[in-house]
Amino acid sequence: MFNPYNIIKYPLVTEKATGLEEQNKYIFVVDKKARKTQIKQAIESIYKVTVLSVATIKMPAKKRRYRMGQEGYTSSYKKAIVTVKEGEKIAIT
């Protein structure tokens, strides 16, 4: 059974992502195993918009230092840049 909320985790709200909204592009953090067609179907069913294209990027884990010289890693994730048909908007709050 297809559940779009298992594919789309949350919208990524950064300064760069906010600037891309003028070009009808929105950035979402998605499941690592999700394919472009699944992401497209999930966005269209959740937000009721027409998706023109989907670009995906795998973001690797980064090494970070914590207190007292201990080292660890940030989580890796996958993000999708979704282009929406002109005139349609996604309300990200």
C-alpha atoms as a PDB file:
ATOM      1  CA  MET A   1       0.000   0.000   0.000  1.00  0.00           C
ATOM      2  CA  PHE A   2       1.324   3.426  -1.025  1.00  0.00           C
ATOM      3  CA  ASN A   3       1.539   5.933   1.817  1.00  0.00           C
ATOM      4  CA  PRO A   4       2.950   9.292   0.652  1.00  0.00           C
ATOM      5  CA  TYR A   5       3.779  10.334   4.221  1.00  0.00           C
ATOM      6  CA  ASN A   6       6.336   7.500   4.437  1.00  0.00           C
ATOM      7  CA  ILE A   7       8.129   8.888   1.363  1.00  0.00           C
ATOM      8  CA  ILE A   8       8.134  12.632   2.190  1.00  0.00           C
ATOM      9  CA  LYS A   9       9.598  13.310   5.634  1.00  0.00           C
ATOM     10  CA  TYR A  10       9.541  17.116   5.832  1.00  0.00           C
ATOM     11  CA  PRO A  11      10.242  20.243   3.761  1.00  0.00           C
ATOM     12  CA  LEU A  12      13.747  21.634   4.078  1.00  0.00           C
ATOM     13  CA  VAL A  13      13.484  25.294   5.067  1.00  0.00           C
ATOM     14  CA  THR A  14      16.762  27.125   4.522  1.00  0.00           C
ATOM     15  CA  GLU A  15      17.722  30.461   3.036  1.00  0.00           C
ATOM     16  CA  LYS A  16      18.626  28.858  -0.288  1.00  0.00           C
ATOM     17  CA  ALA A  17      15.429  26.761  -0.376  1.00  0.00           C
ATOM     18  CA  THR A  18      13.325  29.847   0.266  1.00  0.00           C
ATOM     19  CA  GLY A  19      15.028  31.638  -2.639  1.00  0.00           C
ATOM     20  CA  LEU A  20      14.222  28.738  -4.984  1.00  0.00           C
ATOM     21  CA  GLU A  21      10.482  29.160  -4.377  1.00  0.00           C
ATOM     22  CA  GLU A  22      10.539  32.077  -6.843  1.00  0.00           C
ATOM     23  CA  GLN A  23      11.501  29.541  -9.555  1.00  0.00           C
ATOM     24  CA  ASN A  24       8.708  27.142  -8.455  1.00  0.00           C
ATOM     25  CA  LYS A  25      11.242  24.754  -6.875  1.00  0.00           C
ATOM     26  CA  TYR A  26      10.799  23.223  -3.421  1.00  0.00           C
ATOM     27  CA  ILE A  27      13.192  21.072  -1.390  1.00  0.00           C
ATOM     28  CA  PHE A  28      12.071  18.088   0.702  1.00  0.00           C
ATOM     29  CA  VAL A  29      13.891  15.530   2.829  1.00  0.00           C
ATOM     30  CA  VAL A  30      12.720  12.125   1.605  1.00  0.00           C
ATOM     31  CA  ASP A  31      13.196   8.457   2.435  1.00  0.00           C
ATOM     32  CA  LYS A  32      16.618   7.146   1.388  1.00  0.00           C
ATOM     33  CA  LYS A  33      15.097   4.351  -0.707  1.00  0.00           C
ATOM     34  CA  ALA A  34      12.496   6.520  -2.490  1.00  0.00           C
ATOM     35  CA  ARG A  35      12.630   6.758  -6.279  1.00  0.00           C
ATOM     36  CA  LYS A  36      11.844   9.862  -8.336  1.00  0.00           C
ATOM     37  CA  THR A  37       8.500   8.504  -9.526  1.00  0.00           C
ATOM     38  CA  GLN A  38       7.459   7.704  -5.948  1.00  0.00           C
ATOM     39  CA  ILE A  39       8.464  11.192  -4.806  1.00  0.00           C
ATOM     40  CA  LYS A  40       6.469  12.750  -7.657  1.00  0.00           C
ATOM     41  CA  GLN A  41       3.341  10.738  -6.788  1.00  0.00           C
ATOM     42  CA  ALA A  42       3.691  11.569  -3.086  1.00  0.00           C
ATOM     43  CA  ILE A  43       4.047  15.344  -3.663  1.00  0.00           C
ATOM     44  CA  GLU A  44       1.109  15.390  -6.083  1.00  0.00           C
ATOM     45  CA  SER A  45      -1.153  13.494  -3.675  1.00  0.00           C
ATOM     46  CA  ILE A  46      -0.209  15.506  -0.557  1.00  0.00           C
ATOM     47  CA  TYR A  47      -0.084  19.040  -1.991  1.00  0.00           C
ATOM     48  CA  LYS A  48      -2.453  18.674  -5.005  1.00  0.00           C
ATOM     49  CA  VAL A  49      -0.009  20.248  -7.491  1.00  0.00           C
ATOM     50  CA  THR A  50       1.454  19.191 -10.841  1.00  0.00           C
ATOM     51  CA  VAL A  51       5.108  18.140 -10.585  1.00  0.00           C
ATOM     52  CA  LEU A  52       7.228  18.762 -13.685  1.00  0.00           C
ATOM     53  CA  SER A  53      10.549  17.281 -12.525  1.00  0.00           C
ATOM     54  CA  VAL A  54      12.308  15.782  -9.517  1.00  0.00           C
ATOM     55  CA  ALA A  55      16.055  15.912  -8.809  1.00  0.00           C
ATOM     56  CA  THR A  56      17.470  13.859  -5.934  1.00  0.00           C
ATOM     57  CA  ILE A  57      20.686  14.295  -3.962  1.00  0.00           C
ATOM     58  CA  LYS A  58      22.156  11.939  -1.357  1.00  0.00           C
ATOM     59  CA  MET A  59      23.714  13.950   1.452  1.00  0.00           C
ATOM     60  CA  PRO A  60      26.507  11.999   3.178  1.00  0.00           C
ATOM     61  CA  ALA A  61      27.161  11.865   6.908  1.00  0.00           C
ATOM     62  CA  LYS A  62      29.701  14.417   8.133  1.00  0.00           C
ATOM     63  CA  LYS A  63      32.244  13.991  10.889  1.00  0.00           C
ATOM     64  CA  ARG A  64      31.643  16.230  13.894  1.00  0.00           C
ATOM     65  CA  ARG A  65      33.505  16.793  17.133  1.00  0.00           C
ATOM     66  CA  TYR A  66      31.648  16.778  20.393  1.00  0.00           C
ATOM     67  CA  ARG A  67      32.778  17.615  23.912  1.00  0.00           C
ATOM     68  CA  MET A  68      36.161  16.509  25.229  1.00  0.00           C
ATOM     69  CA  GLY A  69      37.452  15.580  21.776  1.00  0.00           C
ATOM     70  CA  GLN A  70      34.898  12.842  21.144  1.00  0.00           C
ATOM     71  CA  GLU A  71      34.037  12.375  17.491  1.00  0.00           C
ATOM     72  CA  GLY A  72      30.812  11.317  15.856  1.00  0.00           C
ATOM     73  CA  TYR A  73      28.861  11.642  12.636  1.00  0.00           C
ATOM     74  CA  THR A  74      25.763  13.535  11.575  1.00  0.00           C
ATOM     75  CA  SER A  75      22.999  11.536   9.935  1.00  0.00           C
ATOM     76  CA  SER A  76      23.015  11.019   6.197  1.00  0.00           C
ATOM     77  CA  TYR A  77      19.815  11.782   4.292  1.00  0.00           C
ATOM     78  CA  LYS A  78      18.338  12.177   0.834  1.00  0.00           C
ATOM     79  CA  LYS A  79      16.768  15.379  -0.427  1.00  0.00           C
ATOM     80  CA  ALA A  80      14.631  16.061  -3.456  1.00  0.00           C
ATOM     81  CA  ILE A  81      14.311  19.287  -5.426  1.00  0.00           C
ATOM     82  CA  VAL A  82      10.804  19.342  -6.879  1.00  0.00           C
ATOM     83  CA  THR A  83       9.829  21.657  -9.742  1.00  0.00           C
ATOM     84  CA  VAL A  84       6.127  22.554  -9.793  1.00  0.00           C
ATOM     85  CA  LYS A  85       4.029  23.810 -12.718  1.00  0.00           C
ATOM     86  CA  GLU A  86       4.031  27.577 -13.141  1.00  0.00           C
ATOM     87  CA  GLY A  87       1.251  29.301 -11.225  1.00  0.00           C
ATOM     88  CA  GLU A  88       0.956  26.555  -8.579  1.00  0.00           C
ATOM     89  CA  LYS A  89       2.378  26.921  -5.085  1.00  0.00           C
ATOM     90  CA  ILE A  90       3.117  24.653  -2.143  1.00  0.00           C
ATOM     91  CA  ALA A  91       2.272  26.174   1.231  1.00  0.00           C
ATOM     92  CA  ILE A  92       5.147  25.313   3.558  1.00  0.00           C
ATOM     93  CA  THR A  93       4.545  26.494   7.082  1.00  0.00           C
END
